[in-house]
Amino acid sequence: MVTKERVKRKIDHMPNDLLEKVYKYINELTSRNKTKKKFRTYKLDGQFDNINIRQRAYE
């Protein structure tokens, strides 16, 4: 298993021109996790529009 110290040590020994690429890669990894999908809601004009579906499911 890779630890933070091992990664930091490798980065410390890298040439300066590659550090920008590593920084961009790390930013891409962290930004992917923050995007969440939005669920689309539909108005169906039916019996389930104005009720609490969870409450009805547990009845």
PDB file of N, CA and C in Angstrom:
ATOM      1  N   MET A   1       0.831  -1.181   0.000  1.00  0.00           N
ATOM      2  CA  MET A   1       0.000   0.000   0.000  1.00  0.00           C
ATOM      3  C   MET A   1       0.879   1.249   0.000  1.00  0.00           C
ATOM      4  N   VAL A   2       0.470   2.218  -0.773  1.00  0.00           N
ATOM      5  CA  VAL A   2       1.245   3.452  -0.894  1.00  0.00           C
ATOM      6  C   VAL A   2       0.794   4.430   0.179  1.00  0.00           C
ATOM      7  N   THR A   3       1.760   5.007   0.863  1.00  0.00           N
ATOM      8  CA  THR A   3       1.436   5.992   1.891  1.00  0.00           C
ATOM      9  C   THR A   3       1.737   7.395   1.373  1.00  0.00           C
ATOM     10  N   LYS A   4       1.250   8.385   2.087  1.00  0.00           N
ATOM     11  CA  LYS A   4       1.471   9.774   1.687  1.00  0.00           C
ATOM     12  C   LYS A   4       2.955  10.118   1.693  1.00  0.00           C
ATOM     13  N   GLU A   5       3.682   9.575   2.669  1.00  0.00           N
ATOM     14  CA  GLU A   5       5.109   9.877   2.761  1.00  0.00           C
ATOM     15  C   GLU A   5       5.869   9.366   1.537  1.00  0.00           C
ATOM     16  N   ARG A   6       5.488   8.185   1.064  1.00  0.00           N
ATOM     17  CA  ARG A   6       6.156   7.637  -0.122  1.00  0.00           C
ATOM     18  C   ARG A   6       5.855   8.484  -1.351  1.00  0.00           C
ATOM     19  N   VAL A   7       4.620   8.926  -1.469  1.00  0.00           N
ATOM     20  CA  VAL A   7       4.249   9.775  -2.603  1.00  0.00           C
ATOM     21  C   VAL A   7       4.967  11.108  -2.517  1.00  0.00           C
ATOM     22  N   LYS A   8       5.019  11.687  -1.330  1.00  0.00           N
ATOM     23  CA  LYS A   8       5.710  12.963  -1.150  1.00  0.00           C
ATOM     24  C   LYS A   8       7.193  12.847  -1.480  1.00  0.00           C
ATOM     25  N   ARG A   9       7.803  11.729  -1.073  1.00  0.00           N
ATOM     26  CA  ARG A   9       9.219  11.510  -1.362  1.00  0.00           C
ATOM     27  C   ARG A   9       9.476  11.448  -2.868  1.00  0.00           C
ATOM     28  N   LYS A  10       8.596  10.746  -3.580  1.00  0.00           N
ATOM     29  CA  LYS A  10       8.736  10.650  -5.041  1.00  0.00           C
ATOM     30  C   LYS A  10       8.582  12.009  -5.698  1.00  0.00           C
ATOM     31  N   ILE A  11       7.632  12.788  -5.220  1.00  0.00           N
ATOM     32  CA  ILE A  11       7.410  14.118  -5.789  1.00  0.00           C
ATOM     33  C   ILE A  11       8.602  15.023  -5.516  1.00  0.00           C
ATOM     34  N   ASP A  12       9.198  14.906  -4.348  1.00  0.00           N
ATOM     35  CA  ASP A  12      10.366  15.724  -4.019  1.00  0.00           C
ATOM     36  C   ASP A  12      11.543  15.444  -4.942  1.00  0.00           C
ATOM     37  N   HIS A  13      11.644  14.241  -5.468  1.00  0.00           N
ATOM     38  CA  HIS A  13      12.771  13.886  -6.333  1.00  0.00           C
ATOM     39  C   HIS A  13      12.472  14.103  -7.817  1.00  0.00           C
ATOM     40  N   MET A  14      11.273  14.565  -8.136  1.00  0.00           N
ATOM     41  CA  MET A  14      10.913  14.785  -9.536  1.00  0.00           C
ATOM     42  C   MET A  14      11.474  16.108 -10.032  1.00  0.00           C
ATOM     43  N   PRO A  15      11.748  16.190 -11.338  1.00  0.00           N
ATOM     44  CA  PRO A  15      12.187  17.480 -11.892  1.00  0.00           C
ATOM     45  C   PRO A  15      11.034  18.496 -11.873  1.00  0.00           C
ATOM     46  N   ASN A  16      11.376  19.764 -11.850  1.00  0.00           N
ATOM     47  CA  ASN A  16      10.381  20.822 -11.723  1.00  0.00           C
ATOM     48  C   ASN A  16       9.421  20.891 -12.904  1.00  0.00           C
ATOM     49  N   ASP A  17       9.860  20.507 -14.078  1.00  0.00           N
ATOM     50  CA  ASP A  17       8.968  20.607 -15.242  1.00  0.00           C
ATOM     51  C   ASP A  17       7.835  19.578 -15.193  1.00  0.00           C
ATOM     52  N   LEU A  18       8.013  18.504 -14.454  1.00  0.00           N
ATOM     53  CA  LEU A  18       6.947  17.504 -14.345  1.00  0.00           C
ATOM     54  C   LEU A  18       5.963  17.801 -13.219  1.00  0.00           C
ATOM     55  N   LEU A  19       6.320  18.698 -12.322  1.00  0.00           N
ATOM     56  CA  LEU A  19       5.451  18.993 -11.189  1.00  0.00           C
ATOM     57  C   LEU A  19       4.118  19.594 -11.617  1.00  0.00           C
ATOM     58  N   GLU A  20       4.128  20.386 -12.678  1.00  0.00           N
ATOM     59  CA  GLU A  20       2.877  20.975 -13.160  1.00  0.00           C
ATOM     60  C   GLU A  20       1.913  19.894 -13.650  1.00  0.00           C
ATOM     61  N   LYS A  21       2.443  18.896 -14.339  1.00  0.00           N
ATOM     62  CA  LYS A  21       1.609  17.786 -14.808  1.00  0.00           C
ATOM     63  C   LYS A  21       1.028  16.997 -13.643  1.00  0.00           C
ATOM     64  N   VAL A  22       1.829  16.765 -12.626  1.00  0.00           N
ATOM     65  CA  VAL A  22       1.359  16.040 -11.449  1.00  0.00           C
ATOM     66  C   VAL A  22       0.270  16.843 -10.753  1.00  0.00           C
ATOM     67  N   TYR A  23       0.447  18.148 -10.645  1.00  0.00           N
ATOM     68  CA  TYR A  23      -0.536  19.003 -10.004  1.00  0.00           C
ATOM     69  C   TYR A  23      -1.868  18.985 -10.759  1.00  0.00           C
ATOM     70  N   LYS A  24      -1.810  19.054 -12.089  1.00  0.00           N
ATOM     71  CA  LYS A  24      -3.031  19.002 -12.900  1.00  0.00           C
ATOM     72  C   LYS A  24      -3.731  17.659 -12.741  1.00  0.00           C
ATOM     73  N   TYR A  25      -2.961  16.588 -12.701  1.00  0.00           N
ATOM     74  CA  TYR A  25      -3.535  15.245 -12.533  1.00  0.00           C
ATOM     75  C   TYR A  25      -4.250  15.114 -11.191  1.00  0.00           C
ATOM     76  N   ILE A  26      -3.627  15.610 -10.141  1.00  0.00           N
ATOM     77  CA  ILE A  26      -4.242  15.535  -8.813  1.00  0.00           C
ATOM     78  C   ILE A  26      -5.515  16.371  -8.770  1.00  0.00           C
ATOM     79  N   ASN A  27      -5.504  17.536  -9.387  1.00  0.00           N
ATOM     80  CA  ASN A  27      -6.708  18.372  -9.415  1.00  0.00           C
ATOM     81  C   ASN A  27      -7.836  17.704 -10.179  1.00  0.00           C
ATOM     82  N   GLU A  28      -7.526  17.018 -11.260  1.00  0.00           N
ATOM     83  CA  GLU A  28      -8.555  16.306 -12.016  1.00  0.00           C
ATOM     84  C   GLU A  28      -9.176  15.195 -11.178  1.00  0.00           C
ATOM     85  N   LEU A  29      -8.361  14.481 -10.437  1.00  0.00           N
ATOM     86  CA  LEU A  29      -8.876  13.408  -9.597  1.00  0.00           C
ATOM     87  C   LEU A  29      -9.816  13.931  -8.526  1.00  0.00           C
ATOM     88  N   THR A  30      -9.466  15.036  -7.904  1.00  0.00           N
ATOM     89  CA  THR A  30     -10.295  15.562  -6.834  1.00  0.00           C
ATOM     90  C   THR A  30     -11.539  16.246  -7.370  1.00  0.00           C
ATOM     91  N   SER A  31     -11.499  16.817  -8.542  1.00  0.00           N
ATOM     92  CA  SER A  31     -12.675  17.513  -9.069  1.00  0.00           C
ATOM     93  C   SER A  31     -13.715  16.527  -9.578  1.00  0.00           C
ATOM     94  N   ARG A  32     -13.321  15.349 -10.021  1.00  0.00           N
ATOM     95  CA  ARG A  32     -14.276  14.354 -10.495  1.00  0.00           C
ATOM     96  C   ARG A  32     -15.199  13.894  -9.382  1.00  0.00           C
ATOM     97  N   ASN A  33     -14.685  13.787  -8.188  1.00  0.00           N
ATOM     98  CA  ASN A  33     -15.479  13.292  -7.075  1.00  0.00           C
ATOM     99  C   ASN A  33     -16.540  14.292  -6.620  1.00  0.00           C
ATOM    100  N   LYS A  34     -16.347  15.554  -6.896  1.00  0.00           N
ATOM    101  CA  LYS A  34     -17.272  16.565  -6.426  1.00  0.00           C
ATOM    102  C   LYS A  34     -18.506  16.702  -7.311  1.00  0.00           C
ATOM    103  N   THR A  35     -18.433  16.294  -8.541  1.00  0.00           N
ATOM    104  CA  THR A  35     -19.584  16.439  -9.422  1.00  0.00           C
ATOM    105  C   THR A  35     -20.623  15.388  -9.077  1.00  0.00           C
ATOM    106  N   LYS A  36     -21.837  15.839  -8.879  1.00  0.00           N
ATOM    107  CA  LYS A  36     -22.922  14.932  -8.564  1.00  0.00           C
ATOM    108  C   LYS A  36     -23.971  15.029  -9.657  1.00  0.00           C
ATOM    109  N   LYS A  37     -24.573  13.918  -9.933  1.00  0.00           N
ATOM    110  CA  LYS A  37     -25.631  13.921 -10.928  1.00  0.00           C
ATOM    111  C   LYS A  37     -26.907  14.478 -10.315  1.00  0.00           C
ATOM    112  N   LYS A  38     -27.594  15.263 -11.096  1.00  0.00           N
ATOM    113  CA  LYS A  38     -28.869  15.784 -10.651  1.00  0.00           C
ATOM    114  C   LYS A  38     -29.959  14.866 -11.171  1.00  0.00           C
ATOM    115  N   PHE A  39     -30.913  14.590 -10.328  1.00  0.00           N
ATOM    116  CA  PHE A  39     -32.028  13.760 -10.737  1.00  0.00           C
ATOM    117  C   PHE A  39     -33.113  14.647 -11.331  1.00  0.00           C
ATOM    118  N   ARG A  40     -33.604  14.240 -12.449  1.00  0.00           N
ATOM    119  CA  ARG A  40     -34.667  14.993 -13.083  1.00  0.00           C
ATOM    120  C   ARG A  40     -35.985  14.639 -12.425  1.00  0.00           C
ATOM    121  N   THR A  41     -36.794  15.631 -12.227  1.00  0.00           N
ATOM    122  CA  THR A  41     -38.112  15.396 -11.674  1.00  0.00           C
ATOM    123  C   THR A  41     -39.144  15.667 -12.752  1.00  0.00           C
ATOM    124  N   TYR A  42     -40.194  14.927 -12.711  1.00  0.00           N
ATOM    125  CA  TYR A  42     -41.245  15.058 -13.707  1.00  0.00           C
ATOM    126  C   TYR A  42     -42.574  15.302 -13.019  1.00  0.00           C
ATOM    127  N   LYS A  43     -43.370  16.132 -13.611  1.00  0.00           N
ATOM    128  CA  LYS A  43     -44.734  16.331 -13.116  1.00  0.00           C
ATOM    129  C   LYS A  43     -45.614  15.435 -13.957  1.00  0.00           C
ATOM    130  N   LEU A  44     -46.140  14.403 -13.324  1.00  0.00           N
ATOM    131  CA  LEU A  44     -46.867  13.374 -14.051  1.00  0.00           C
ATOM    132  C   LEU A  44     -48.373  13.611 -14.089  1.00  0.00           C
ATOM    133  N   ASP A  45     -48.833  14.646 -13.394  1.00  0.00           N
ATOM    134  CA  ASP A  45     -50.267  14.945 -13.342  1.00  0.00           C
ATOM    135  C   ASP A  45     -51.071  13.716 -12.953  1.00  0.00           C
ATOM    136  N   GLY A  46     -50.648  13.091 -11.882  1.00  0.00           N
ATOM    137  CA  GLY A  46     -51.330  11.885 -11.449  1.00  0.00           C
ATOM    138  C   GLY A  46     -51.509  11.848  -9.956  1.00  0.00           C
ATOM    139  N   GLN A  47     -51.745  10.660  -9.444  1.00  0.00           N
ATOM    140  CA  GLN A  47     -52.064  10.495  -8.029  1.00  0.00           C
ATOM    141  C   GLN A  47     -50.858  10.668  -7.114  1.00  0.00           C
ATOM    142  N   PHE A  48     -49.638  10.622  -7.612  1.00  0.00           N
ATOM    143  CA  PHE A  48     -48.452  10.708  -6.756  1.00  0.00           C
ATOM    144  C   PHE A  48     -47.800  12.085  -6.754  1.00  0.00           C
ATOM    145  N   ASP A  49     -48.421  13.094  -7.348  1.00  0.00           N
ATOM    146  CA  ASP A  49     -47.804  14.413  -7.435  1.00  0.00           C
ATOM    147  C   ASP A  49     -47.742  15.136  -6.097  1.00  0.00           C
ATOM    148  N   ASN A  50     -48.779  15.075  -5.294  1.00  0.00           N
ATOM    149  CA  ASN A  50     -48.847  15.888  -4.079  1.00  0.00           C
ATOM    150  C   ASN A  50     -48.794  15.064  -2.796  1.00  0.00           C
ATOM    151  N   ILE A  51     -48.201  13.877  -2.827  1.00  0.00           N
ATOM    152  CA  ILE A  51     -48.131  13.070  -1.613  1.00  0.00           C
ATOM    153  C   ILE A  51     -46.680  12.759  -1.280  1.00  0.00           C
ATOM    154  N   ASN A  52     -46.447  12.390  -0.033  1.00  0.00           N
ATOM    155  CA  ASN A  52     -45.134  11.961   0.415  1.00  0.00           C
ATOM    156  C   ASN A  52     -45.020  10.462   0.106  1.00  0.00           C
ATOM    157  N   ILE A  53     -44.248  10.116  -0.887  1.00  0.00           N
ATOM    158  CA  ILE A  53     -44.170   8.736  -1.356  1.00  0.00           C
ATOM    159  C   ILE A  53     -43.543   7.830  -0.305  1.00  0.00           C
ATOM    160  N   ARG A  54     -42.555   8.331   0.422  1.00  0.00           N
ATOM    161  CA  ARG A  54     -41.930   7.510   1.470  1.00  0.00           C
ATOM    162  C   ARG A  54     -42.921   7.161   2.563  1.00  0.00           C
ATOM    163  N   GLN A  55     -43.691   8.138   2.971  1.00  0.00           N
ATOM    164  CA  GLN A  55     -44.667   7.892   4.024  1.00  0.00           C
ATOM    165  C   GLN A  55     -45.713   6.875   3.555  1.00  0.00           C
ATOM    166  N   ARG A  56     -46.146   6.985   2.326  1.00  0.00           N
ATOM    167  CA  ARG A  56     -47.128   6.045   1.796  1.00  0.00           C
ATOM    168  C   ARG A  56     -46.538   4.643   1.645  1.00  0.00           C
ATOM    169  N   ALA A  57     -45.272   4.558   1.346  1.00  0.00           N
ATOM    170  CA  ALA A  57     -44.632   3.249   1.165  1.00  0.00           C
ATOM    171  C   ALA A  57     -44.565   2.483   2.483  1.00  0.00           C
ATOM    172  N   TYR A  58     -44.391   3.207   3.591  1.00  0.00           N
ATOM    173  CA  TYR A  58     -44.270   2.544   4.892  1.00  0.00           C
ATOM    174  C   TYR A  58     -45.603   2.302   5.576  1.00  0.00           C
ATOM    175  N   GLU A  59     -46.701   2.707   4.956  1.00  0.00           N
ATOM    176  CA  GLU A  59     -48.018   2.472   5.547  1.00  0.00           C
ATOM    177  C   GLU A  59     -48.455   1.047   5.353  1.00  0.00           C
TER     178      GLU A  59
END
